[in-house]
Amino acid sequence: MMLQTTLYAAARSRAHGPTAALWHAVEVHRPPAEVDGACELSLCGSLARVSTEQAWPVAARDVCPVCVLLTRC
């Protein structure tokens, strides 16, 4: 039996108009060196730039509530 774990990286979106920049969760299927600084699709569907300096969940107030909910499932 193979145990599969899901890993998430923290990613920062850009502010657009009235929307603030938020931290999002990105499901990682590659080594961190391959995703560092890349824009990826987050769990909630936003494009966000992956940051290997931050671990998910991020200890911040500006975190996407949808990504938080989806990572708890």
PDB file of N, CA and C in Angstrom:
ATOM      1  N   MET A   1       0.843  -1.171   0.000  1.00  0.00           N
ATOM      2  CA  MET A   1       0.000   0.000   0.000  1.00  0.00           C
ATOM      3  C   MET A   1       0.892   1.240   0.000  1.00  0.00           C
ATOM      4  N   MET A   2       0.587   2.188  -0.879  1.00  0.00           N
ATOM      5  CA  MET A   2       1.366   3.413  -0.964  1.00  0.00           C
ATOM      6  C   MET A   2       0.602   4.547  -0.290  1.00  0.00           C
ATOM      7  N   LEU A   3       1.279   5.242   0.609  1.00  0.00           N
ATOM      8  CA  LEU A   3       0.683   6.375   1.304  1.00  0.00           C
ATOM      9  C   LEU A   3       0.974   7.636   0.512  1.00  0.00           C
ATOM     10  N   GLN A   4      -0.044   8.374   0.177  1.00  0.00           N
ATOM     11  CA  GLN A   4       0.117   9.595  -0.596  1.00  0.00           C
ATOM     12  C   GLN A   4      -0.233  10.784   0.275  1.00  0.00           C
ATOM     13  N   THR A   5       0.682  11.743   0.352  1.00  0.00           N
ATOM     14  CA  THR A   5       0.416  12.961   1.104  1.00  0.00           C
ATOM     15  C   THR A   5       0.382  14.131   0.133  1.00  0.00           C
ATOM     16  N   THR A   6      -0.422  15.098   0.446  1.00  0.00           N
ATOM     17  CA  THR A   6      -0.527  16.288  -0.373  1.00  0.00           C
ATOM     18  C   THR A   6       0.267  17.401   0.284  1.00  0.00           C
ATOM     19  N   LEU A   7       1.160  18.005  -0.492  1.00  0.00           N
ATOM     20  CA  LEU A   7       1.965  19.109   0.005  1.00  0.00           C
ATOM     21  C   LEU A   7       1.487  20.402  -0.623  1.00  0.00           C
ATOM     22  N   TYR A   8       1.492  21.448   0.178  1.00  0.00           N
ATOM     23  CA  TYR A   8       1.069  22.757  -0.297  1.00  0.00           C
ATOM     24  C   TYR A   8       2.194  23.758  -0.113  1.00  0.00           C
ATOM     25  N   ALA A   9       2.307  24.660  -1.063  1.00  0.00           N
ATOM     26  CA  ALA A   9       3.255  25.765  -0.962  1.00  0.00           C
ATOM     27  C   ALA A   9       2.453  27.045  -0.794  1.00  0.00           C
ATOM     28  N   ALA A  10       3.052  28.017  -0.145  1.00  0.00           N
ATOM     29  CA  ALA A  10       2.418  29.324   0.000  1.00  0.00           C
ATOM     30  C   ALA A  10       2.740  30.154  -1.232  1.00  0.00           C
ATOM     31  N   ALA A  11       1.754  30.893  -1.707  1.00  0.00           N
ATOM     32  CA  ALA A  11       1.937  31.730  -2.885  1.00  0.00           C
ATOM     33  C   ALA A  11       1.207  33.054  -2.672  1.00  0.00           C
ATOM     34  N   ARG A  12       1.786  34.110  -3.193  1.00  0.00           N
ATOM     35  CA  ARG A  12       1.231  35.454  -3.002  1.00  0.00           C
ATOM     36  C   ARG A  12       0.615  35.948  -4.305  1.00  0.00           C
ATOM     37  N   SER A  13      -0.636  36.382  -4.234  1.00  0.00           N
ATOM     38  CA  SER A  13      -1.299  36.949  -5.408  1.00  0.00           C
ATOM     39  C   SER A  13      -1.005  38.442  -5.483  1.00  0.00           C
ATOM     40  N   ARG A  14      -1.315  39.025  -6.616  1.00  0.00           N
ATOM     41  CA  ARG A  14      -1.168  40.465  -6.777  1.00  0.00           C
ATOM     42  C   ARG A  14      -2.499  41.141  -6.485  1.00  0.00           C
ATOM     43  N   ALA A  15      -2.426  42.364  -6.012  1.00  0.00           N
ATOM     44  CA  ALA A  15      -3.636  43.153  -5.787  1.00  0.00           C
ATOM     45  C   ALA A  15      -4.169  43.621  -7.136  1.00  0.00           C
ATOM     46  N   HIS A  16      -5.475  43.477  -7.338  1.00  0.00           N
ATOM     47  CA  HIS A  16      -6.118  43.917  -8.574  1.00  0.00           C
ATOM     48  C   HIS A  16      -7.326  44.769  -8.222  1.00  0.00           C
ATOM     49  N   GLY A  17      -7.244  46.061  -8.535  1.00  0.00           N
ATOM     50  CA  GLY A  17      -8.366  46.958  -8.242  1.00  0.00           C
ATOM     51  C   GLY A  17      -8.721  46.923  -6.769  1.00  0.00           C
ATOM     52  N   PRO A  18      -9.989  46.611  -6.448  1.00  0.00           N
ATOM     53  CA  PRO A  18     -10.401  46.596  -5.042  1.00  0.00           C
ATOM     54  C   PRO A  18      -9.984  45.312  -4.311  1.00  0.00           C
ATOM     55  N   THR A  19      -9.384  44.365  -5.022  1.00  0.00           N
ATOM     56  CA  THR A  19      -8.989  43.088  -4.416  1.00  0.00           C
ATOM     57  C   THR A  19      -7.584  43.197  -3.837  1.00  0.00           C
ATOM     58  N   ALA A  20      -7.426  42.865  -2.585  1.00  0.00           N
ATOM     59  CA  ALA A  20      -6.125  42.918  -1.921  1.00  0.00           C
ATOM     60  C   ALA A  20      -5.279  41.704  -2.287  1.00  0.00           C
ATOM     61  N   ALA A  21      -3.973  41.866  -2.174  1.00  0.00           N
ATOM     62  CA  ALA A  21      -3.073  40.732  -2.356  1.00  0.00           C
ATOM     63  C   ALA A  21      -3.261  39.779  -1.185  1.00  0.00           C
ATOM     64  N   LEU A  22      -3.351  38.495  -1.478  1.00  0.00           N
ATOM     65  CA  LEU A  22      -3.563  37.483  -0.444  1.00  0.00           C
ATOM     66  C   LEU A  22      -2.546  36.360  -0.575  1.00  0.00           C
ATOM     67  N   TRP A  23      -2.383  35.618   0.519  1.00  0.00           N
ATOM     68  CA  TRP A  23      -1.611  34.387   0.485  1.00  0.00           C
ATOM     69  C   TRP A  23      -2.557  33.263   0.089  1.00  0.00           C
ATOM     70  N   HIS A  24      -2.096  32.402  -0.823  1.00  0.00           N
ATOM     71  CA  HIS A  24      -2.892  31.286  -1.317  1.00  0.00           C
ATOM     72  C   HIS A  24      -2.118  29.980  -1.138  1.00  0.00           C
ATOM     73  N   ALA A  25      -2.819  28.872  -1.267  1.00  0.00           N
ATOM     74  CA  ALA A  25      -2.194  27.547  -1.220  1.00  0.00           C
ATOM     75  C   ALA A  25      -2.116  26.997  -2.642  1.00  0.00           C
ATOM     76  N   VAL A  26      -0.953  26.435  -2.964  1.00  0.00           N
ATOM     77  CA  VAL A  26      -0.725  25.798  -4.260  1.00  0.00           C
ATOM     78  C   VAL A  26      -0.310  24.359  -3.997  1.00  0.00           C
ATOM     79  N   GLU A  27      -0.981  23.423  -4.637  1.00  0.00           N
ATOM     80  CA  GLU A  27      -0.618  22.016  -4.501  1.00  0.00           C
ATOM     81  C   GLU A  27       0.678  21.774  -5.267  1.00  0.00           C
ATOM     82  N   VAL A  28       1.649  21.152  -4.608  1.00  0.00           N
ATOM     83  CA  VAL A  28       2.982  20.985  -5.187  1.00  0.00           C
ATOM     84  C   VAL A  28       3.190  19.543  -5.626  1.00  0.00           C
ATOM     85  N   HIS A  29       3.561  19.392  -6.888  1.00  0.00           N
ATOM     86  CA  HIS A  29       3.862  18.075  -7.451  1.00  0.00           C
ATOM     87  C   HIS A  29       5.294  18.001  -7.965  1.00  0.00           C
ATOM     88  N   ARG A  30       6.065  19.068  -7.747  1.00  0.00           N
ATOM     89  CA  ARG A  30       7.446  19.141  -8.232  1.00  0.00           C
ATOM     90  C   ARG A  30       8.352  19.557  -7.086  1.00  0.00           C
ATOM     91  N   PRO A  31       9.668  19.368  -7.246  1.00  0.00           N
ATOM     92  CA  PRO A  31      10.594  19.837  -6.205  1.00  0.00           C
ATOM     93  C   PRO A  31      10.500  21.354  -6.038  1.00  0.00           C
ATOM     94  N   PRO A  32      10.722  21.859  -4.823  1.00  0.00           N
ATOM     95  CA  PRO A  32      10.606  23.297  -4.569  1.00  0.00           C
ATOM     96  C   PRO A  32      11.473  24.163  -5.481  1.00  0.00           C
ATOM     97  N   ALA A  33      12.623  23.683  -5.886  1.00  0.00           N
ATOM     98  CA  ALA A  33      13.503  24.469  -6.757  1.00  0.00           C
ATOM     99  C   ALA A  33      12.853  24.743  -8.116  1.00  0.00           C
ATOM    100  N   GLU A  34      11.956  23.876  -8.534  1.00  0.00           N
ATOM    101  CA  GLU A  34      11.297  24.046  -9.831  1.00  0.00           C
ATOM    102  C   GLU A  34      10.106  24.997  -9.776  1.00  0.00           C
ATOM    103  N   VAL A  35       9.594  25.287  -8.606  1.00  0.00           N
ATOM    104  CA  VAL A  35       8.430  26.167  -8.499  1.00  0.00           C
ATOM    105  C   VAL A  35       8.744  27.498  -7.829  1.00  0.00           C
ATOM    106  N   ASP A  36       9.958  27.697  -7.339  1.00  0.00           N
ATOM    107  CA  ASP A  36      10.327  28.917  -6.638  1.00  0.00           C
ATOM    108  C   ASP A  36      10.154  30.133  -7.553  1.00  0.00           C
ATOM    109  N   GLY A  37       9.261  31.021  -7.178  1.00  0.00           N
ATOM    110  CA  GLY A  37       9.038  32.249  -7.922  1.00  0.00           C
ATOM    111  C   GLY A  37       8.123  32.108  -9.118  1.00  0.00           C
ATOM    112  N   ALA A  38       7.673  30.911  -9.407  1.00  0.00           N
ATOM    113  CA  ALA A  38       6.804  30.710 -10.562  1.00  0.00           C
ATOM    114  C   ALA A  38       5.360  31.047 -10.213  1.00  0.00           C
ATOM    115  N   CYS A  39       4.612  31.496 -11.199  1.00  0.00           N
ATOM    116  CA  CYS A  39       3.176  31.706 -11.009  1.00  0.00           C
ATOM    117  C   CYS A  39       2.468  30.382 -11.219  1.00  0.00           C
ATOM    118  N   GLU A  40       1.623  30.032 -10.292  1.00  0.00           N
ATOM    119  CA  GLU A  40       0.899  28.767 -10.334  1.00  0.00           C
ATOM    120  C   GLU A  40      -0.570  29.032 -10.041  1.00  0.00           C
ATOM    121  N   LEU A  41      -1.397  28.090 -10.388  1.00  0.00           N
ATOM    122  CA  LEU A  41      -2.817  28.172 -10.083  1.00  0.00           C
ATOM    123  C   LEU A  41      -3.039  27.682  -8.658  1.00  0.00           C
ATOM    124  N   SER A  42      -3.645  28.519  -7.839  1.00  0.00           N
ATOM    125  CA  SER A  42      -3.875  28.140  -6.440  1.00  0.00           C
ATOM    126  C   SER A  42      -5.126  27.267  -6.339  1.00  0.00           C
ATOM    127  N   LEU A  43      -5.364  26.749  -5.147  1.00  0.00           N
ATOM    128  CA  LEU A  43      -6.520  25.885  -4.931  1.00  0.00           C
ATOM    129  C   LEU A  43      -7.840  26.584  -5.227  1.00  0.00           C
ATOM    130  N   CYS A  44      -7.901  27.885  -4.993  1.00  0.00           N
ATOM    131  CA  CYS A  44      -9.149  28.623  -5.218  1.00  0.00           C
ATOM    132  C   CYS A  44      -9.291  29.104  -6.656  1.00  0.00           C
ATOM    133  N   GLY A  45      -8.254  28.911  -7.473  1.00  0.00           N
ATOM    134  CA  GLY A  45      -8.320  29.307  -8.872  1.00  0.00           C
ATOM    135  C   GLY A  45      -7.611  30.600  -9.203  1.00  0.00           C
ATOM    136  N   SER A  46      -6.972  31.239  -8.235  1.00  0.00           N
ATOM    137  CA  SER A  46      -6.221  32.466  -8.479  1.00  0.00           C
ATOM    138  C   SER A  46      -4.806  32.142  -8.929  1.00  0.00           C
ATOM    139  N   LEU A  47      -4.237  33.024  -9.750  1.00  0.00           N
ATOM    140  CA  LEU A  47      -2.824  32.899 -10.077  1.00  0.00           C
ATOM    141  C   LEU A  47      -2.033  33.573  -8.978  1.00  0.00           C
ATOM    142  N   ALA A  48      -0.999  32.887  -8.506  1.00  0.00           N
ATOM    143  CA  ALA A  48      -0.187  33.434  -7.422  1.00  0.00           C
ATOM    144  C   ALA A  48       1.248  32.975  -7.598  1.00  0.00           C
ATOM    145  N   ARG A  49       2.189  33.806  -7.131  1.00  0.00           N
ATOM    146  CA  ARG A  49       3.615  33.511  -7.245  1.00  0.00           C
ATOM    147  C   ARG A  49       4.066  32.721  -6.015  1.00  0.00           C
ATOM    148  N   VAL A  50       4.614  31.528  -6.249  1.00  0.00           N
ATOM    149  CA  VAL A  50       5.035  30.629  -5.164  1.00  0.00           C
ATOM    150  C   VAL A  50       6.240  31.213  -4.443  1.00  0.00           C
ATOM    151  N   SER A  51       6.227  31.126  -3.126  1.00  0.00           N
ATOM    152  CA  SER A  51       7.318  31.580  -2.280  1.00  0.00           C
ATOM    153  C   SER A  51       7.792  30.412  -1.426  1.00  0.00           C
ATOM    154  N   THR A  52       9.023  29.964  -1.653  1.00  0.00           N
ATOM    155  CA  THR A  52       9.551  28.865  -0.840  1.00  0.00           C
ATOM    156  C   THR A  52      10.001  29.347   0.540  1.00  0.00           C
ATOM    157  N   GLU A  53      10.024  30.666   0.748  1.00  0.00           N
ATOM    158  CA  GLU A  53      10.393  31.196   2.065  1.00  0.00           C
ATOM    159  C   GLU A  53       9.251  31.099   3.065  1.00  0.00           C
ATOM    160  N   GLN A  54       8.026  30.940   2.571  1.00  0.00           N
ATOM    161  CA  GLN A  54       6.851  30.836   3.432  1.00  0.00           C
ATOM    162  C   GLN A  54       6.306  29.414   3.392  1.00  0.00           C
ATOM    163  N   ALA A  55       5.926  28.913   4.533  1.00  0.00           N
ATOM    164  CA  ALA A  55       5.308  27.586   4.614  1.00  0.00           C
ATOM    165  C   ALA A  55       3.798  27.746   4.686  1.00  0.00           C
ATOM    166  N   TRP A  56       3.091  26.797   4.120  1.00  0.00           N
ATOM    167  CA  TRP A  56       1.626  26.798   4.235  1.00  0.00           C
ATOM    168  C   TRP A  56       1.236  25.931   5.400  1.00  0.00           C
ATOM    169  N   PRO A  57       0.373  26.338   6.286  1.00  0.00           N
ATOM    170  CA  PRO A  57      -0.388  27.575   6.295  1.00  0.00           C
ATOM    171  C   PRO A  57       0.462  28.753   6.753  1.00  0.00           C
ATOM    172  N   VAL A  58       0.214  29.902   6.168  1.00  0.00           N
ATOM    173  CA  VAL A  58       0.957  31.120   6.470  1.00  0.00           C
ATOM    174  C   VAL A  58       0.385  31.754   7.728  1.00  0.00           C
ATOM    175  N   ALA A  59       1.268  32.179   8.594  1.00  0.00           N
ATOM    176  CA  ALA A  59       0.839  32.854   9.833  1.00  0.00           C
ATOM    177  C   ALA A  59       0.678  34.341   9.535  1.00  0.00           C
ATOM    178  N   ALA A  60      -0.394  34.675   8.836  1.00  0.00           N
ATOM    179  CA  ALA A  60      -0.667  36.067   8.474  1.00  0.00           C
ATOM    180  C   ALA A  60      -2.173  36.291   8.500  1.00  0.00           C
ATOM    181  N   ARG A  61      -2.579  37.537   8.423  1.00  0.00           N
ATOM    182  CA  ARG A  61      -4.010  37.853   8.433  1.00  0.00           C
ATOM    183  C   ARG A  61      -4.591  37.893   7.029  1.00  0.00           C
ATOM    184  N   ASP A  62      -3.739  38.140   6.024  1.00  0.00           N
ATOM    185  CA  ASP A  62      -4.213  38.292   4.653  1.00  0.00           C
ATOM    186  C   ASP A  62      -4.099  36.977   3.872  1.00  0.00           C
ATOM    187  N   VAL A  63      -4.831  35.974   4.352  1.00  0.00           N
ATOM    188  CA  VAL A  63      -4.813  34.637   3.762  1.00  0.00           C
ATOM    189  C   VAL A  63      -6.168  34.375   3.104  1.00  0.00           C
ATOM    190  N   CYS A  64      -6.125  33.747   1.939  1.00  0.00           N
ATOM    191  CA  CYS A  64      -7.355  33.431   1.200  1.00  0.00           C
ATOM    192  C   CYS A  64      -8.211  32.451   2.008  1.00  0.00           C
ATOM    193  N   PRO A  65      -9.445  32.821   2.353  1.00  0.00           N
ATOM    194  CA  PRO A  65     -10.289  31.930   3.149  1.00  0.00           C
ATOM    195  C   PRO A  65     -10.681  30.656   2.400  1.00  0.00           C
ATOM    196  N   VAL A  66     -10.794  30.721   1.089  1.00  0.00           N
ATOM    197  CA  VAL A  66     -11.139  29.532   0.295  1.00  0.00           C
ATOM    198  C   VAL A  66      -9.993  28.535   0.326  1.00  0.00           C
ATOM    199  N   CYS A  67      -8.759  29.004   0.172  1.00  0.00           N
ATOM    200  CA  CYS A  67      -7.607  28.108   0.223  1.00  0.00           C
ATOM    201  C   CYS A  67      -7.467  27.462   1.606  1.00  0.00           C
ATOM    202  N   VAL A  68      -7.736  28.223   2.648  1.00  0.00           N
ATOM    203  CA  VAL A  68      -7.699  27.666   4.013  1.00  0.00           C
ATOM    204  C   VAL A  68      -8.715  26.534   4.132  1.00  0.00           C
ATOM    205  N   LEU A  69      -9.913  26.777   3.673  1.00  0.00           N
ATOM    206  CA  LEU A  69     -10.966  25.781   3.747  1.00  0.00           C
ATOM    207  C   LEU A  69     -10.609  24.538   2.936  1.00  0.00           C
ATOM    208  N   LEU A  70     -10.095  24.718   1.739  1.00  0.00           N
ATOM    209  CA  LEU A  70      -9.773  23.574   0.863  1.00  0.00           C
ATOM    210  C   LEU A  70      -8.580  22.750   1.355  1.00  0.00           C
ATOM    211  N   THR A  71      -7.667  23.346   2.084  1.00  0.00           N
ATOM    212  CA  THR A  71      -6.526  22.586   2.610  1.00  0.00           C
ATOM    213  C   THR A  71      -6.911  21.800   3.867  1.00  0.00           C
ATOM    214  N   ARG A  72      -8.017  22.110   4.461  1.00  0.00           N
ATOM    215  CA  ARG A  72      -8.473  21.380   5.660  1.00  0.00           C
ATOM    216  C   ARG A  72      -9.282  20.139   5.322  1.00  0.00           C
ATOM    217  N   CYS A  73      -9.686  20.027   4.076  1.00  0.00           N
ATOM    218  CA  CYS A  73     -10.540  18.888   3.663  1.00  0.00           C
ATOM    219  C   CYS A  73      -9.797  17.583   3.700  1.00  0.00           C
TER     220      CYS A  73
END
